[in-house]
């Protein structure tokens, strides 16, 4: 019987045990035997079953999240979203509001505004619903654009009945009759 454990280079990375006609490899504590006979740290990322990968620091496996908008969940393996909008740390530019996304957030234009490239930067610009004809003002009213929306105002001689403008009826007022004493 040849003692394969005494050969150079050694057939096993950590421990070798000679057997009749062969040998067996063993690994030190904290390592596992790989199919090729090498020893790999049992604390590897593949063993940790992390959702997005991990780091091995000082022999300790720590799962990691790929974005600052995610944090490690209670199970230590999966990442959960941080709602940056709810924390109040996000300040969106004028005419925009915060919308949370998985792992991040966006600042979306308010309703009635469109994102446009003006003066070398993107800004939320008011949509003029009146000039575009995107309003619900009736034929007896005028449309007035206001930031983010519009208002309807009745034309001269008409008044609003709560839903639309109607003609104000001409009521004849009779002059008072002669006074009798």
N, C-alpha and C. Protein backbone atom coordinates (compact mmCIF):
# COMPACT_ATOMS: atom_id res chain seq x y z
N UNK A 1 0.85 -1.19 0.00
CA UNK A 1 0.00 0.00 0.00
C UNK A 1 0.88 1.24 0.00
N UNK A 2 0.59 2.16 -0.90
CA UNK A 2 1.31 3.42 -1.00
C UNK A 2 0.61 4.45 -0.12
N UNK A 3 1.34 5.20 0.69
CA UNK A 3 0.76 6.23 1.55
C UNK A 3 0.66 7.51 0.73
N UNK A 4 -0.50 7.71 0.10
CA UNK A 4 -0.70 8.89 -0.74
C UNK A 4 -0.63 10.20 0.06
N UNK A 5 -0.94 10.12 1.35
CA UNK A 5 -0.92 11.32 2.20
C UNK A 5 0.49 11.90 2.33
N UNK A 6 1.50 11.10 2.14
CA UNK A 6 2.88 11.58 2.27
C UNK A 6 3.47 12.08 0.97
N UNK A 7 2.73 12.00 -0.13
CA UNK A 7 3.23 12.46 -1.44
C UNK A 7 3.28 13.98 -1.50
N UNK A 8 4.19 14.46 -2.36
CA UNK A 8 4.28 15.90 -2.62
C UNK A 8 3.83 16.11 -4.06
N UNK A 9 2.98 17.03 -4.43
CA UNK A 9 2.20 17.85 -3.50
C UNK A 9 1.16 17.00 -2.78
N UNK A 10 0.78 17.45 -1.62
CA UNK A 10 -0.17 16.70 -0.80
C UNK A 10 -1.51 16.60 -1.52
N UNK A 11 -2.16 15.46 -1.49
CA UNK A 11 -3.43 15.29 -2.20
C UNK A 11 -4.61 16.01 -1.52
N UNK A 12 -4.46 16.31 -0.24
CA UNK A 12 -5.54 16.97 0.49
C UNK A 12 -5.08 18.34 0.97
N UNK A 13 -6.00 19.27 1.00
CA UNK A 13 -5.66 20.63 1.42
C UNK A 13 -5.43 20.70 2.93
N UNK A 14 -6.31 20.06 3.73
CA UNK A 14 -6.18 20.14 5.18
C UNK A 14 -5.67 18.83 5.78
N UNK A 15 -6.54 17.85 5.94
CA UNK A 15 -6.15 16.58 6.58
C UNK A 15 -6.29 15.43 5.60
N UNK A 16 -5.39 14.53 5.71
CA UNK A 16 -5.39 13.37 4.83
C UNK A 16 -5.34 12.10 5.68
N UNK A 17 -6.14 11.09 5.30
CA UNK A 17 -6.11 9.80 6.01
C UNK A 17 -5.87 8.71 4.98
N UNK A 18 -4.79 7.98 5.20
CA UNK A 18 -4.44 6.90 4.29
C UNK A 18 -5.39 5.73 4.49
N UNK A 19 -5.85 5.15 3.38
CA UNK A 19 -6.68 3.94 3.43
C UNK A 19 -6.01 2.90 2.54
N UNK A 20 -6.43 1.67 2.65
CA UNK A 20 -5.81 0.62 1.85
C UNK A 20 -6.09 0.87 0.37
N UNK A 21 -5.08 1.18 -0.38
CA UNK A 21 -5.18 1.41 -1.81
C UNK A 21 -5.66 2.80 -2.19
N UNK A 22 -5.89 3.65 -1.21
CA UNK A 22 -6.38 4.99 -1.51
C UNK A 22 -6.13 5.93 -0.32
N UNK A 23 -6.92 6.96 -0.22
CA UNK A 23 -6.83 7.94 0.87
C UNK A 23 -8.16 8.69 0.97
N UNK A 24 -8.37 9.38 2.09
CA UNK A 24 -9.56 10.21 2.28
C UNK A 24 -9.10 11.58 2.78
N UNK A 25 -9.76 12.62 2.25
CA UNK A 25 -9.47 13.99 2.69
C UNK A 25 -10.52 14.44 3.69
N UNK A 26 -10.07 15.21 4.66
CA UNK A 26 -10.95 15.81 5.66
C UNK A 26 -10.59 17.29 5.77
N UNK A 27 -11.55 18.06 6.16
CA UNK A 27 -11.31 19.50 6.31
C UNK A 27 -11.37 19.89 7.77
N UNK A 28 -10.67 20.99 8.10
CA UNK A 28 -10.70 21.53 9.46
C UNK A 28 -12.09 22.07 9.75
N UNK A 29 -12.36 22.29 11.03
CA UNK A 29 -13.65 22.81 11.47
C UNK A 29 -13.95 24.15 10.78
N UNK A 30 -15.19 24.34 10.33
CA UNK A 30 -15.58 25.57 9.65
C UNK A 30 -15.40 25.50 8.15
N UNK A 31 -14.89 24.37 7.65
CA UNK A 31 -14.69 24.19 6.21
C UNK A 31 -15.45 22.96 5.76
N UNK A 32 -15.74 22.89 4.45
CA UNK A 32 -16.41 21.72 3.93
C UNK A 32 -15.65 21.18 2.72
N UNK A 33 -15.71 19.87 2.55
CA UNK A 33 -15.01 19.20 1.46
C UNK A 33 -15.76 19.41 0.15
N UNK A 34 -15.06 19.91 -0.86
CA UNK A 34 -15.64 20.14 -2.18
C UNK A 34 -15.41 18.90 -3.04
N UNK A 35 -16.18 18.74 -4.13
CA UNK A 35 -16.04 17.53 -4.97
C UNK A 35 -14.63 17.31 -5.52
N UNK A 36 -13.86 18.37 -5.71
CA UNK A 36 -12.50 18.22 -6.24
C UNK A 36 -11.47 17.91 -5.16
N UNK A 37 -11.92 17.75 -3.91
CA UNK A 37 -11.02 17.41 -2.81
C UNK A 37 -10.48 18.61 -2.06
N UNK A 38 -10.80 19.81 -2.50
CA UNK A 38 -10.33 21.00 -1.80
C UNK A 38 -11.29 21.33 -0.67
N UNK A 39 -10.84 22.18 0.23
CA UNK A 39 -11.67 22.61 1.35
C UNK A 39 -12.10 24.06 1.11
N UNK A 40 -13.38 24.29 1.25
CA UNK A 40 -13.92 25.64 1.08
C UNK A 40 -14.58 26.05 2.38
N UNK A 41 -14.51 27.34 2.66
CA UNK A 41 -15.12 27.84 3.89
C UNK A 41 -16.60 27.50 3.89
N UNK A 42 -17.06 26.90 4.96
CA UNK A 42 -18.48 26.55 5.08
C UNK A 42 -19.31 27.83 5.18
N UNK A 43 -18.63 28.92 5.49
CA UNK A 43 -19.30 30.20 5.59
C UNK A 43 -19.21 30.94 4.26
N UNK A 44 -19.53 30.28 3.17
CA UNK A 44 -19.47 30.93 1.86
C UNK A 44 -20.84 31.51 1.52
N UNK A 45 -20.86 32.42 0.54
CA UNK A 45 -22.12 33.06 0.15
C UNK A 45 -23.14 32.05 -0.36
N UNK A 46 -22.69 31.02 -1.06
CA UNK A 46 -23.63 30.04 -1.58
C UNK A 46 -24.31 29.28 -0.45
N UNK A 47 -23.62 29.10 0.66
CA UNK A 47 -24.20 28.40 1.80
C UNK A 47 -25.15 29.31 2.58
N UNK A 48 -24.89 30.63 2.55
CA UNK A 48 -25.69 31.57 3.35
C UNK A 48 -27.07 31.80 2.76
N UNK A 49 -27.27 31.49 1.46
CA UNK A 49 -28.56 31.64 0.80
C UNK A 49 -29.09 33.07 0.88
N UNK A 50 -28.21 34.03 0.58
CA UNK A 50 -28.59 35.44 0.60
C UNK A 50 -29.35 35.80 -0.67
N UNK A 51 -30.28 36.73 -0.54
CA UNK A 51 -31.08 37.15 -1.69
C UNK A 51 -30.24 37.86 -2.75
N UNK A 52 -29.31 38.73 -2.32
CA UNK A 52 -28.53 39.52 -3.27
C UNK A 52 -27.02 39.36 -3.12
N UNK A 53 -26.55 38.32 -2.47
CA UNK A 53 -25.11 38.13 -2.31
C UNK A 53 -24.66 38.52 -0.91
N UNK A 54 -23.37 38.29 -0.66
CA UNK A 54 -22.88 38.57 0.68
C UNK A 54 -21.41 38.95 0.67
N UNK A 55 -20.93 39.32 1.84
CA UNK A 55 -19.52 39.61 2.08
C UNK A 55 -19.06 38.69 3.19
N UNK A 56 -17.81 38.20 3.09
CA UNK A 56 -17.23 37.41 4.16
C UNK A 56 -16.17 38.28 4.80
N UNK A 57 -16.43 38.70 6.05
CA UNK A 57 -15.51 39.56 6.77
C UNK A 57 -15.07 38.86 8.05
N UNK A 58 -13.77 38.69 8.21
CA UNK A 58 -13.20 38.05 9.41
C UNK A 58 -13.87 36.72 9.68
N UNK A 59 -14.09 35.94 8.64
CA UNK A 59 -14.68 34.61 8.78
C UNK A 59 -16.17 34.60 9.01
N UNK A 60 -16.80 35.79 9.00
CA UNK A 60 -18.24 35.87 9.23
C UNK A 60 -18.94 36.29 7.94
N UNK A 61 -20.02 35.56 7.60
CA UNK A 61 -20.78 35.87 6.39
C UNK A 61 -21.88 36.85 6.73
N UNK A 62 -21.96 37.93 5.94
CA UNK A 62 -23.03 38.92 6.12
C UNK A 62 -23.70 39.14 4.78
N UNK A 63 -25.00 38.88 4.73
CA UNK A 63 -25.76 39.15 3.50
C UNK A 63 -25.77 40.66 3.29
N UNK A 64 -25.84 41.08 2.03
CA UNK A 64 -25.86 42.51 1.74
C UNK A 64 -27.00 42.84 0.80
N UNK A 65 -27.37 44.12 0.78
CA UNK A 65 -28.40 44.62 -0.12
C UNK A 65 -27.74 45.53 -1.14
N UNK A 66 -28.20 45.47 -2.40
CA UNK A 66 -27.52 46.20 -3.48
C UNK A 66 -27.78 47.70 -3.54
N UNK A 67 -28.67 48.21 -2.71
CA UNK A 67 -29.03 49.63 -2.80
C UNK A 67 -29.20 50.21 -1.40
N UNK A 68 -28.85 51.50 -1.22
CA UNK A 68 -29.06 52.11 0.10
C UNK A 68 -30.54 52.24 0.46
N UNK A 69 -31.43 52.06 -0.53
CA UNK A 69 -32.87 52.11 -0.27
C UNK A 69 -33.45 50.79 0.18
N UNK A 70 -32.56 49.80 0.42
CA UNK A 70 -32.98 48.49 0.93
C UNK A 70 -32.23 48.21 2.22
N UNK A 71 -32.85 47.46 3.10
CA UNK A 71 -32.17 47.06 4.33
C UNK A 71 -32.39 45.57 4.57
N UNK A 72 -31.45 44.97 5.28
CA UNK A 72 -31.53 43.55 5.57
C UNK A 72 -32.73 43.28 6.47
N UNK A 73 -33.54 42.31 6.07
CA UNK A 73 -34.74 41.96 6.82
C UNK A 73 -34.42 41.20 8.09
N UNK A 74 -35.43 40.89 8.90
CA UNK A 74 -35.23 40.18 10.16
C UNK A 74 -34.59 38.80 10.00
N UNK A 75 -34.78 38.16 8.82
CA UNK A 75 -34.19 36.84 8.61
C UNK A 75 -32.69 36.91 8.29
N UNK A 76 -32.16 38.13 8.07
CA UNK A 76 -30.73 38.30 7.80
C UNK A 76 -30.31 37.86 6.40
N UNK A 77 -31.28 37.49 5.55
CA UNK A 77 -30.95 37.00 4.20
C UNK A 77 -31.61 37.82 3.10
N UNK A 78 -32.85 38.25 3.34
CA UNK A 78 -33.59 38.98 2.31
C UNK A 78 -33.55 40.48 2.60
N UNK A 79 -33.74 41.26 1.53
CA UNK A 79 -33.72 42.71 1.65
C UNK A 79 -35.14 43.25 1.59
N UNK A 80 -35.44 44.20 2.45
CA UNK A 80 -36.75 44.83 2.45
C UNK A 80 -36.59 46.30 2.11
N UNK A 81 -37.61 46.85 1.49
CA UNK A 81 -37.59 48.23 1.01
C UNK A 81 -37.70 49.23 2.15
N UNK A 82 -36.95 50.33 2.03
CA UNK A 82 -37.07 51.46 2.95
C UNK A 82 -37.92 52.49 2.20
N UNK A 83 -39.01 52.94 2.79
CA UNK A 83 -39.86 53.96 2.15
C UNK A 83 -39.26 55.33 2.45
N UNK A 84 -38.41 55.80 1.53
CA UNK A 84 -37.72 57.08 1.73
C UNK A 84 -38.71 58.24 1.84
N UNK A 85 -39.86 58.13 1.16
CA UNK A 85 -40.87 59.19 1.19
C UNK A 85 -41.48 59.31 2.59
N UNK A 86 -41.71 58.18 3.24
CA UNK A 86 -42.33 58.18 4.57
C UNK A 86 -41.36 58.66 5.66
N UNK A 87 -40.06 58.51 5.42
CA UNK A 87 -39.08 58.92 6.45
C UNK A 87 -38.98 60.43 6.54
N UNK A 88 -39.37 61.14 5.47
CA UNK A 88 -39.30 62.60 5.47
C UNK A 88 -37.92 63.14 5.14
N UNK A 89 -36.99 62.27 4.81
CA UNK A 89 -35.63 62.72 4.49
C UNK A 89 -35.50 63.17 3.04
N UNK A 90 -36.50 62.86 2.21
CA UNK A 90 -36.46 63.22 0.79
C UNK A 90 -37.17 64.55 0.59
N UNK A 91 -36.47 65.48 -0.07
CA UNK A 91 -37.08 66.77 -0.42
C UNK A 91 -37.07 66.85 -1.94
N UNK A 92 -38.26 66.81 -2.53
CA UNK A 92 -38.38 66.88 -3.98
C UNK A 92 -38.43 68.34 -4.42
N UNK A 93 -37.96 68.63 -5.65
CA UNK A 93 -38.02 70.00 -6.17
C UNK A 93 -39.46 70.51 -6.30
N UNK A 94 -39.59 71.79 -6.60
CA UNK A 94 -40.88 72.46 -6.71
C UNK A 94 -41.80 71.75 -7.71
N UNK A 95 -43.07 71.65 -7.38
CA UNK A 95 -44.13 71.03 -8.18
C UNK A 95 -43.94 69.53 -8.35
N UNK A 96 -43.19 68.89 -7.45
CA UNK A 96 -43.01 67.43 -7.51
C UNK A 96 -43.32 66.83 -6.15
N UNK A 97 -43.68 65.55 -6.16
CA UNK A 97 -43.92 64.81 -4.92
C UNK A 97 -43.15 63.49 -4.97
N UNK A 98 -42.85 62.97 -3.82
CA UNK A 98 -42.06 61.75 -3.68
C UNK A 98 -42.93 60.52 -3.90
N UNK A 99 -42.40 59.57 -4.71
CA UNK A 99 -43.06 58.29 -4.94
C UNK A 99 -42.04 57.20 -4.63
N UNK A 100 -42.36 56.33 -3.69
CA UNK A 100 -41.44 55.25 -3.31
C UNK A 100 -41.39 54.18 -4.40
N UNK A 101 -40.18 53.65 -4.64
CA UNK A 101 -39.99 52.51 -5.54
C UNK A 101 -39.18 51.48 -4.77
N UNK A 102 -39.08 50.25 -5.26
CA UNK A 102 -38.33 49.22 -4.55
C UNK A 102 -36.85 49.57 -4.59
N UNK A 103 -36.29 49.88 -3.45
CA UNK A 103 -34.86 50.20 -3.32
C UNK A 103 -34.51 51.64 -3.59
N UNK A 104 -35.50 52.48 -3.92
CA UNK A 104 -35.21 53.88 -4.20
C UNK A 104 -36.50 54.70 -4.14
N UNK A 105 -36.51 55.84 -4.85
CA UNK A 105 -37.68 56.69 -4.94
C UNK A 105 -37.54 57.57 -6.19
N UNK A 106 -38.64 58.18 -6.60
CA UNK A 106 -38.60 59.16 -7.69
C UNK A 106 -39.40 60.38 -7.24
N UNK A 107 -39.06 61.53 -7.82
CA UNK A 107 -39.83 62.75 -7.59
C UNK A 107 -40.66 62.99 -8.84
N UNK A 108 -41.96 62.74 -8.74
CA UNK A 108 -42.87 62.83 -9.89
C UNK A 108 -43.59 64.18 -9.88
N UNK A 109 -43.84 64.71 -11.07
CA UNK A 109 -44.56 65.99 -11.20
C UNK A 109 -45.97 65.85 -10.62
N UNK A 110 -46.44 66.93 -9.97
CA UNK A 110 -47.81 66.97 -9.47
C UNK A 110 -48.78 66.84 -10.65
N UNK A 111 -50.01 66.44 -10.36
CA UNK A 111 -51.06 66.38 -11.37
C UNK A 111 -51.24 67.79 -11.94
N UNK A 112 -51.37 67.89 -13.25
CA UNK A 112 -51.51 69.19 -13.89
C UNK A 112 -50.19 69.80 -14.34
N UNK A 113 -49.09 69.05 -14.12
CA UNK A 113 -47.76 69.50 -14.54
C UNK A 113 -47.11 68.41 -15.38
N UNK A 114 -46.26 68.81 -16.33
CA UNK A 114 -45.51 67.87 -17.18
C UNK A 114 -44.03 68.12 -17.01
N UNK A 115 -43.24 67.05 -17.06
CA UNK A 115 -41.78 67.17 -16.99
C UNK A 115 -41.27 67.62 -18.35
N UNK A 116 -40.57 68.76 -18.36
CA UNK A 116 -40.04 69.31 -19.61
C UNK A 116 -38.60 69.73 -19.41
N UNK A 117 -37.84 69.70 -20.51
CA UNK A 117 -36.44 70.13 -20.49
C UNK A 117 -36.41 71.62 -20.83
N UNK A 118 -36.23 72.45 -19.81
CA UNK A 118 -36.27 73.90 -19.99
C UNK A 118 -35.00 74.51 -19.39
N UNK A 119 -34.34 75.35 -20.17
CA UNK A 119 -33.16 76.05 -19.67
C UNK A 119 -32.04 75.13 -19.22
N UNK A 120 -31.87 74.00 -19.91
CA UNK A 120 -30.78 73.09 -19.60
C UNK A 120 -31.05 72.13 -18.45
N UNK A 121 -32.28 72.11 -17.93
CA UNK A 121 -32.60 71.15 -16.87
C UNK A 121 -34.06 70.73 -16.96
N UNK A 122 -34.36 69.61 -16.34
CA UNK A 122 -35.73 69.11 -16.31
C UNK A 122 -36.50 69.80 -15.20
N UNK A 123 -37.68 70.32 -15.57
CA UNK A 123 -38.53 71.00 -14.61
C UNK A 123 -39.97 70.58 -14.84
N UNK A 124 -40.77 70.67 -13.79
CA UNK A 124 -42.20 70.41 -13.93
C UNK A 124 -42.86 71.72 -14.36
N UNK A 125 -43.48 71.68 -15.53
CA UNK A 125 -44.07 72.88 -16.13
C UNK A 125 -45.59 72.72 -16.14
N UNK A 126 -46.28 73.81 -15.78
CA UNK A 126 -47.74 73.80 -15.72
C UNK A 126 -48.35 73.49 -17.08
N UNK A 127 -49.35 72.61 -17.10
CA UNK A 127 -50.10 72.29 -18.31
C UNK A 127 -51.23 73.32 -18.42
N UNK A 128 -51.32 74.03 -19.55
CA UNK A 128 -52.39 75.00 -19.76
C UNK A 128 -53.59 74.27 -20.38
N UNK A 129 -54.45 73.77 -19.49
CA UNK A 129 -55.62 73.00 -19.93
C UNK A 129 -56.54 73.82 -20.82
N UNK A 130 -56.59 75.15 -20.60
CA UNK A 130 -57.48 76.02 -21.37
C UNK A 130 -57.06 76.09 -22.83
N UNK A 131 -55.77 76.38 -23.08
CA UNK A 131 -55.32 76.52 -24.47
C UNK A 131 -55.27 75.16 -25.18
N UNK A 132 -55.11 74.08 -24.42
CA UNK A 132 -55.08 72.74 -25.02
C UNK A 132 -56.48 72.16 -25.22
N UNK A 133 -57.48 72.80 -24.62
CA UNK A 133 -58.85 72.30 -24.73
C UNK A 133 -59.11 71.11 -23.82
N UNK A 134 -58.26 70.91 -22.81
CA UNK A 134 -58.43 69.79 -21.86
C UNK A 134 -59.17 70.28 -20.62
N UNK A 135 -60.35 70.81 -20.80
CA UNK A 135 -61.14 71.31 -19.67
C UNK A 135 -62.60 70.91 -19.85
N UNK A 136 -63.36 71.12 -18.79
CA UNK A 136 -64.79 70.75 -18.81
C UNK A 136 -65.68 71.99 -18.71
N UNK A 137 -65.13 73.15 -19.09
CA UNK A 137 -65.95 74.37 -19.02
C UNK A 137 -67.00 74.34 -20.15
N UNK A 138 -68.21 74.76 -19.80
CA UNK A 138 -69.30 74.77 -20.78
C UNK A 138 -69.18 75.91 -21.77
N UNK A 139 -70.09 75.95 -22.73
CA UNK A 139 -70.04 76.97 -23.79
C UNK A 139 -70.39 78.37 -23.26
N UNK A 140 -71.04 78.47 -22.09
CA UNK A 140 -71.40 79.77 -21.53
C UNK A 140 -70.43 80.21 -20.44
N UNK A 141 -69.23 79.59 -20.42
CA UNK A 141 -68.23 79.96 -19.42
C UNK A 141 -66.86 80.10 -20.07
N UNK A 142 -65.97 80.80 -19.36
CA UNK A 142 -64.59 80.99 -19.83
C UNK A 142 -63.67 80.15 -18.96
N UNK A 143 -62.62 79.62 -19.59
CA UNK A 143 -61.61 78.82 -18.88
C UNK A 143 -60.45 79.74 -18.48
N UNK A 144 -60.03 79.61 -17.21
CA UNK A 144 -58.87 80.35 -16.71
C UNK A 144 -57.87 79.36 -16.17
N UNK A 145 -56.66 79.42 -16.70
CA UNK A 145 -55.61 78.51 -16.25
C UNK A 145 -55.08 78.94 -14.89
N UNK A 146 -54.90 77.98 -14.00
CA UNK A 146 -54.25 78.22 -12.70
C UNK A 146 -53.17 77.14 -12.55
N UNK A 147 -52.14 77.36 -11.73
CA UNK A 147 -51.06 76.35 -11.60
C UNK A 147 -51.60 74.97 -11.23
N UNK A 148 -51.38 74.01 -12.12
CA UNK A 148 -51.78 72.63 -11.88
C UNK A 148 -53.21 72.29 -12.23
N UNK A 149 -54.00 73.30 -12.63
CA UNK A 149 -55.41 73.05 -12.92
C UNK A 149 -55.99 74.20 -13.75
N UNK A 150 -57.32 74.39 -13.65
CA UNK A 150 -58.02 75.47 -14.34
C UNK A 150 -59.31 75.77 -13.57
N UNK A 151 -59.90 76.94 -13.88
CA UNK A 151 -61.19 77.30 -13.29
C UNK A 151 -62.11 77.77 -14.41
N UNK A 152 -63.39 77.51 -14.22
CA UNK A 152 -64.40 77.96 -15.18
C UNK A 152 -65.16 79.12 -14.54
N UNK A 153 -65.36 80.21 -15.31
CA UNK A 153 -66.10 81.37 -14.81
C UNK A 153 -67.18 81.69 -15.83
N UNK A 154 -68.41 81.91 -15.36
CA UNK A 154 -69.54 82.19 -16.25
C UNK A 154 -69.33 83.51 -17.00
N UNK A 155 -69.77 83.52 -18.25
CA UNK A 155 -69.71 84.73 -19.08
C UNK A 155 -70.74 85.72 -18.56
N UNK A 156 -70.59 86.98 -19.01
CA UNK A 156 -71.51 88.06 -18.63
C UNK A 156 -72.95 87.67 -18.96
N UNK A 157 -73.84 87.85 -18.02
CA UNK A 157 -75.26 87.55 -18.24
C UNK A 157 -75.63 86.11 -17.86
N UNK A 158 -74.65 85.35 -17.38
CA UNK A 158 -74.90 83.96 -16.97
C UNK A 158 -74.46 83.78 -15.53
N UNK A 159 -75.05 82.79 -14.87
CA UNK A 159 -74.63 82.47 -13.51
C UNK A 159 -74.55 80.95 -13.36
N UNK A 160 -73.80 80.53 -12.38
CA UNK A 160 -73.57 79.10 -12.16
C UNK A 160 -74.69 78.54 -11.28
N UNK A 161 -75.30 77.45 -11.74
CA UNK A 161 -76.35 76.81 -10.94
C UNK A 161 -75.80 75.61 -10.16
N UNK A 162 -74.46 75.49 -10.10
CA UNK A 162 -73.83 74.39 -9.37
C UNK A 162 -73.18 73.38 -10.29
N UNK A 163 -73.71 73.23 -11.50
CA UNK A 163 -73.11 72.28 -12.45
C UNK A 163 -72.70 72.94 -13.76
N UNK A 164 -73.43 74.00 -14.18
CA UNK A 164 -73.06 74.73 -15.39
C UNK A 164 -73.67 76.12 -15.37
N UNK A 165 -73.29 76.93 -16.36
CA UNK A 165 -73.76 78.31 -16.42
C UNK A 165 -75.10 78.39 -17.15
N UNK A 166 -76.02 79.12 -16.53
CA UNK A 166 -77.35 79.31 -17.14
C UNK A 166 -77.62 80.81 -17.28
N UNK A 167 -78.48 81.16 -18.23
CA UNK A 167 -78.82 82.55 -18.51
C UNK A 167 -79.56 83.14 -17.32
N UNK A 168 -79.16 84.35 -16.93
CA UNK A 168 -79.87 85.05 -15.86
C UNK A 168 -81.13 85.64 -16.49
N UNK A 169 -82.33 85.28 -16.02
CA UNK A 169 -83.55 85.80 -16.65
C UNK A 169 -83.70 87.30 -16.41
N UNK A 170 -84.15 88.02 -17.45
CA UNK A 170 -84.40 89.46 -17.31
C UNK A 170 -85.75 89.63 -16.63
N UNK A 171 -85.74 90.09 -15.42
CA UNK A 171 -86.98 90.31 -14.67
C UNK A 171 -87.31 91.79 -14.75
N UNK A 172 -88.46 92.08 -15.28
CA UNK A 172 -88.89 93.48 -15.37
C UNK A 172 -89.39 93.92 -14.01
N UNK A 173 -88.85 95.00 -13.56
CA UNK A 173 -89.29 95.55 -12.28
C UNK A 173 -90.21 96.74 -12.61
N UNK A 174 -91.46 96.65 -12.16
CA UNK A 174 -92.41 97.74 -12.44
C UNK A 174 -92.15 98.87 -11.47
N UNK A 175 -92.23 100.07 -12.03
CA UNK A 175 -92.04 101.23 -11.12
C UNK A 175 -93.21 101.27 -10.13
N UNK A 176 -92.94 101.79 -8.97
CA UNK A 176 -94.03 101.86 -7.98
C UNK A 176 -95.17 102.78 -8.49
N UNK A 177 -96.36 102.42 -8.14
CA UNK A 177 -97.53 103.16 -8.60
C UNK A 177 -97.65 104.50 -7.84
N UNK A 178 -98.64 105.30 -8.28
CA UNK A 178 -98.82 106.60 -7.60
C UNK A 178 -99.28 106.39 -6.16
N UNK A 179 -98.75 107.28 -5.36
CA UNK A 179 -99.10 107.20 -3.94
C UNK A 179 -100.45 107.89 -3.72
N UNK A 180 -101.26 107.26 -2.91
CA UNK A 180 -102.57 107.85 -2.56
C UNK A 180 -102.52 108.27 -1.10
N UNK A 181 -102.99 109.45 -0.89
CA UNK A 181 -103.01 109.92 0.48
C UNK A 181 -104.43 109.99 0.95
